Amino acid sequence: MNTLVYLIPIALSLGGLGLVAFLWALKSGQYEDLDGASWRILDDGDGEG
């Protein structure tokens, strides 16, 4: 029972940290061009085309 005093705040803080990281990724535009990323992985980079 004493370990819950430590584990619950740790779990809440890690969840909050994950939420902050997700919101930062949204704000910085990480999810803006999902179609472009799928096409860039197929590009061989030779510059012809």
PDB file of N, CA and C in Angstrom:
ATOM      1  N   MET A   1       0.826  -1.198   0.000  1.00  0.00           N
ATOM      2  CA  MET A   1       0.000   0.000   0.000  1.00  0.00           C
ATOM      3  C   MET A   1       0.870   1.261   0.000  1.00  0.00           C
ATOM      4  N   ASN A   2       2.016   1.171   0.648  1.00  0.00           N
ATOM      5  CA  ASN A   2       2.905   2.334   0.676  1.00  0.00           C
ATOM      6  C   ASN A   2       3.514   2.622  -0.694  1.00  0.00           C
ATOM      7  N   THR A   3       3.638   1.579  -1.515  1.00  0.00           N
ATOM      8  CA  THR A   3       4.229   1.815  -2.841  1.00  0.00           C
ATOM      9  C   THR A   3       3.285   2.586  -3.755  1.00  0.00           C
ATOM     10  N   LEU A   4       1.970   2.510  -3.493  1.00  0.00           N
ATOM     11  CA  LEU A   4       1.024   3.276  -4.306  1.00  0.00           C
ATOM     12  C   LEU A   4       1.204   4.769  -4.124  1.00  0.00           C
ATOM     13  N   VAL A   5       1.702   5.167  -2.977  1.00  0.00           N
ATOM     14  CA  VAL A   5       1.958   6.590  -2.733  1.00  0.00           C
ATOM     15  C   VAL A   5       3.024   7.103  -3.695  1.00  0.00           C
ATOM     16  N   TYR A   6       3.932   6.225  -4.104  1.00  0.00           N
ATOM     17  CA  TYR A   6       4.984   6.614  -5.045  1.00  0.00           C
ATOM     18  C   TYR A   6       4.583   6.342  -6.492  1.00  0.00           C
ATOM     19  N   LEU A   7       3.892   5.227  -6.727  1.00  0.00           N
ATOM     20  CA  LEU A   7       3.612   4.823  -8.097  1.00  0.00           C
ATOM     21  C   LEU A   7       2.538   5.674  -8.772  1.00  0.00           C
ATOM     22  N   ILE A   8       1.539   6.095  -8.039  1.00  0.00           N
ATOM     23  CA  ILE A   8       0.470   6.888  -8.651  1.00  0.00           C
ATOM     24  C   ILE A   8       0.974   8.247  -9.136  1.00  0.00           C
ATOM     25  N   PRO A   9       1.732   9.010  -8.342  1.00  0.00           N
ATOM     26  CA  PRO A   9       2.260  10.276  -8.884  1.00  0.00           C
ATOM     27  C   PRO A   9       3.247  10.076 -10.039  1.00  0.00           C
ATOM     28  N   ILE A  10       4.024   9.001  -9.982  1.00  0.00           N
ATOM     29  CA  ILE A  10       4.952   8.727 -11.081  1.00  0.00           C
ATOM     30  C   ILE A  10       4.177   8.426 -12.358  1.00  0.00           C
ATOM     31  N   ALA A  11       3.121   7.616 -12.262  1.00  0.00           N
ATOM     32  CA  ALA A  11       2.323   7.279 -13.436  1.00  0.00           C
ATOM     33  C   ALA A  11       1.621   8.520 -13.984  1.00  0.00           C
ATOM     34  N   LEU A  12       1.092   9.353 -13.114  1.00  0.00           N
ATOM     35  CA  LEU A  12       0.426  10.577 -13.569  1.00  0.00           C
ATOM     36  C   LEU A  12       1.407  11.538 -14.225  1.00  0.00           C
ATOM     37  N   SER A  13       2.598  11.644 -13.681  1.00  0.00           N
ATOM     38  CA  SER A  13       3.578  12.557 -14.277  1.00  0.00           C
ATOM     39  C   SER A  13       4.078  12.029 -15.621  1.00  0.00           C
ATOM     40  N   LEU A  14       4.249  10.720 -15.761  1.00  0.00           N
ATOM     41  CA  LEU A  14       4.655  10.169 -17.057  1.00  0.00           C
ATOM     42  C   LEU A  14       3.543  10.328 -18.093  1.00  0.00           C
ATOM     43  N   GLY A  15       2.302  10.156 -17.681  1.00  0.00           N
ATOM     44  CA  GLY A  15       1.191  10.391 -18.593  1.00  0.00           C
ATOM     45  C   GLY A  15       1.106  11.842 -19.017  1.00  0.00           C
ATOM     46  N   GLY A  16       1.317  12.758 -18.081  1.00  0.00           N
ATOM     47  CA  GLY A  16       1.329  14.180 -18.414  1.00  0.00           C
ATOM     48  C   GLY A  16       2.474  14.535 -19.341  1.00  0.00           C
ATOM     49  N   LEU A  17       3.627  13.928 -19.110  1.00  0.00           N
ATOM     50  CA  LEU A  17       4.773  14.166 -19.982  1.00  0.00           C
ATOM     51  C   LEU A  17       4.495  13.665 -21.399  1.00  0.00           C
ATOM     52  N   GLY A  18       3.851  12.523 -21.516  1.00  0.00           N
ATOM     53  CA  GLY A  18       3.477  12.016 -22.835  1.00  0.00           C
ATOM     54  C   GLY A  18       2.479  12.919 -23.526  1.00  0.00           C
ATOM     55  N   LEU A  19       1.533  13.450 -22.774  1.00  0.00           N
ATOM     56  CA  LEU A  19       0.546  14.372 -23.338  1.00  0.00           C
ATOM     57  C   LEU A  19       1.213  15.661 -23.814  1.00  0.00           C
ATOM     58  N   VAL A  20       2.125  16.181 -23.032  1.00  0.00           N
ATOM     59  CA  VAL A  20       2.848  17.398 -23.419  1.00  0.00           C
ATOM     60  C   VAL A  20       3.670  17.144 -24.681  1.00  0.00           C
ATOM     61  N   ALA A  21       4.322  15.982 -24.774  1.00  0.00           N
ATOM     62  CA  ALA A  21       5.114  15.662 -25.964  1.00  0.00           C
ATOM     63  C   ALA A  21       4.223  15.531 -27.195  1.00  0.00           C
ATOM     64  N   PHE A  22       3.044  14.936 -27.025  1.00  0.00           N
ATOM     65  CA  PHE A  22       2.117  14.810 -28.151  1.00  0.00           C
ATOM     66  C   PHE A  22       1.609  16.167 -28.603  1.00  0.00           C
ATOM     67  N   LEU A  23       1.259  17.026 -27.666  1.00  0.00           N
ATOM     68  CA  LEU A  23       0.776  18.359 -28.025  1.00  0.00           C
ATOM     69  C   LEU A  23       1.871  19.191 -28.678  1.00  0.00           C
ATOM     70  N   TRP A  24       3.104  19.021 -28.225  1.00  0.00           N
ATOM     71  CA  TRP A  24       4.221  19.718 -28.857  1.00  0.00           C
ATOM     72  C   TRP A  24       4.406  19.245 -30.298  1.00  0.00           C
ATOM     73  N   ALA A  25       4.270  17.933 -30.523  1.00  0.00           N
ATOM     74  CA  ALA A  25       4.401  17.404 -31.881  1.00  0.00           C
ATOM     75  C   ALA A  25       3.299  17.938 -32.780  1.00  0.00           C
ATOM     76  N   LEU A  26       2.090  18.067 -32.254  1.00  0.00           N
ATOM     77  CA  LEU A  26       1.004  18.646 -33.043  1.00  0.00           C
ATOM     78  C   LEU A  26       1.284  20.100 -33.385  1.00  0.00           C
ATOM     79  N   LYS A  27       1.766  20.855 -32.400  1.00  0.00           N
ATOM     80  CA  LYS A  27       2.009  22.284 -32.608  1.00  0.00           C
ATOM     81  C   LYS A  27       3.165  22.531 -33.579  1.00  0.00           C
ATOM     82  N   SER A  28       4.158  21.664 -33.567  1.00  0.00           N
ATOM     83  CA  SER A  28       5.318  21.875 -34.427  1.00  0.00           C
ATOM     84  C   SER A  28       5.117  21.346 -35.840  1.00  0.00           C
ATOM     85  N   GLY A  29       3.955  20.747 -36.123  1.00  0.00           N
ATOM     86  CA  GLY A  29       3.646  20.340 -37.491  1.00  0.00           C
ATOM     87  C   GLY A  29       4.148  18.971 -37.882  1.00  0.00           C
ATOM     88  N   GLN A  30       4.347  18.079 -36.946  1.00  0.00           N
ATOM     89  CA  GLN A  30       4.845  16.748 -37.254  1.00  0.00           C
ATOM     90  C   GLN A  30       3.843  15.917 -38.048  1.00  0.00           C
ATOM     91  N   TYR A  31       2.565  16.220 -37.944  1.00  0.00           N
ATOM     92  CA  TYR A  31       1.528  15.418 -38.581  1.00  0.00           C
ATOM     93  C   TYR A  31       0.874  16.145 -39.751  1.00  0.00           C
ATOM     94  N   GLU A  32       1.537  17.110 -40.320  1.00  0.00           N
ATOM     95  CA  GLU A  32       0.943  17.920 -41.379  1.00  0.00           C
ATOM     96  C   GLU A  32       0.921  17.205 -42.730  1.00  0.00           C
ATOM     97  N   ASP A  33       2.021  16.586 -43.144  1.00  0.00           N
ATOM     98  CA  ASP A  33       2.145  16.032 -44.496  1.00  0.00           C
ATOM     99  C   ASP A  33       2.359  14.523 -44.415  1.00  0.00           C
ATOM    100  N   LEU A  34       1.305  13.780 -44.142  1.00  0.00           N
ATOM    101  CA  LEU A  34       1.439  12.336 -44.026  1.00  0.00           C
ATOM    102  C   LEU A  34       1.564  11.663 -45.382  1.00  0.00           C
ATOM    103  N   ASP A  35       0.930  12.217 -46.410  1.00  0.00           N
ATOM    104  CA  ASP A  35       1.043  11.631 -47.746  1.00  0.00           C
ATOM    105  C   ASP A  35       2.437  11.845 -48.334  1.00  0.00           C
ATOM    106  N   GLY A  36       3.029  12.990 -48.075  1.00  0.00           N
ATOM    107  CA  GLY A  36       4.372  13.250 -48.581  1.00  0.00           C
ATOM    108  C   GLY A  36       5.407  12.315 -48.002  1.00  0.00           C
ATOM    109  N   ALA A  37       5.251  11.969 -46.743  1.00  0.00           N
ATOM    110  CA  ALA A  37       6.190  11.049 -46.118  1.00  0.00           C
ATOM    111  C   ALA A  37       6.096   9.661 -46.735  1.00  0.00           C
ATOM    112  N   SER A  38       4.899   9.252 -47.089  1.00  0.00           N
ATOM    113  CA  SER A  38       4.749   7.927 -47.697  1.00  0.00           C
ATOM    114  C   SER A  38       5.346   7.886 -49.102  1.00  0.00           C
ATOM    115  N   TRP A  39       5.327   9.014 -49.802  1.00  0.00           N
ATOM    116  CA  TRP A  39       5.938   9.026 -51.129  1.00  0.00           C
ATOM    117  C   TRP A  39       7.446   9.197 -51.053  1.00  0.00           C
ATOM    118  N   ARG A  40       7.935   9.930 -50.077  1.00  0.00           N
ATOM    119  CA  ARG A  40       9.383  10.134 -49.953  1.00  0.00           C
ATOM    120  C   ARG A  40      10.118   8.840 -49.642  1.00  0.00           C
ATOM    121  N   ILE A  41       9.461   7.904 -48.970  1.00  0.00           N
ATOM    122  CA  ILE A  41      10.133   6.649 -48.655  1.00  0.00           C
ATOM    123  C   ILE A  41      10.337   5.799 -49.907  1.00  0.00           C
ATOM    124  N   LEU A  42       9.502   6.017 -50.937  1.00  0.00           N
ATOM    125  CA  LEU A  42       9.625   5.268 -52.176  1.00  0.00           C
ATOM    126  C   LEU A  42      10.593   5.918 -53.165  1.00  0.00           C
ATOM    127  N   ASP A  43      10.968   7.157 -52.935  1.00  0.00           N
ATOM    128  CA  ASP A  43      11.850   7.878 -53.842  1.00  0.00           C
ATOM    129  C   ASP A  43      13.268   7.365 -53.685  1.00  0.00           C
ATOM    130  N   ASP A  44      13.915   7.047 -54.808  1.00  0.00           N
ATOM    131  CA  ASP A  44      15.281   6.556 -54.735  1.00  0.00           C
ATOM    132  C   ASP A  44      16.319   7.677 -54.701  1.00  0.00           C
ATOM    133  N   GLY A  45      15.903   8.898 -54.966  1.00  0.00           N
ATOM    134  CA  GLY A  45      16.791  10.051 -54.814  1.00  0.00           C
ATOM    135  C   GLY A  45      17.740  10.289 -55.945  1.00  0.00           C
ATOM    136  N   ASP A  46      17.491   9.709 -57.123  1.00  0.00           N
ATOM    137  CA  ASP A  46      18.412   9.923 -58.221  1.00  0.00           C
ATOM    138  C   ASP A  46      18.190  11.239 -58.944  1.00  0.00           C
ATOM    139  N   GLY A  47      17.055  11.888 -58.723  1.00  0.00           N
ATOM    140  CA  GLY A  47      16.794  13.192 -59.308  1.00  0.00           C
ATOM    141  C   GLY A  47      16.254  13.160 -60.728  1.00  0.00           C
ATOM    142  N   GLU A  48      15.977  12.006 -61.251  1.00  0.00           N
ATOM    143  CA  GLU A  48      15.469  11.886 -62.629  1.00  0.00           C
ATOM    144  C   GLU A  48      13.975  11.610 -62.588  1.00  0.00           C
ATOM    145  N   GLY A  49      13.178  12.622 -62.479  1.00  0.00           N
ATOM    146  CA  GLY A  49      11.777  12.288 -62.569  1.00  0.00           C
ATOM    147  C   GLY A  49      10.952  13.054 -61.692  1.00  0.00           C
TER     148      GLY A  49
END
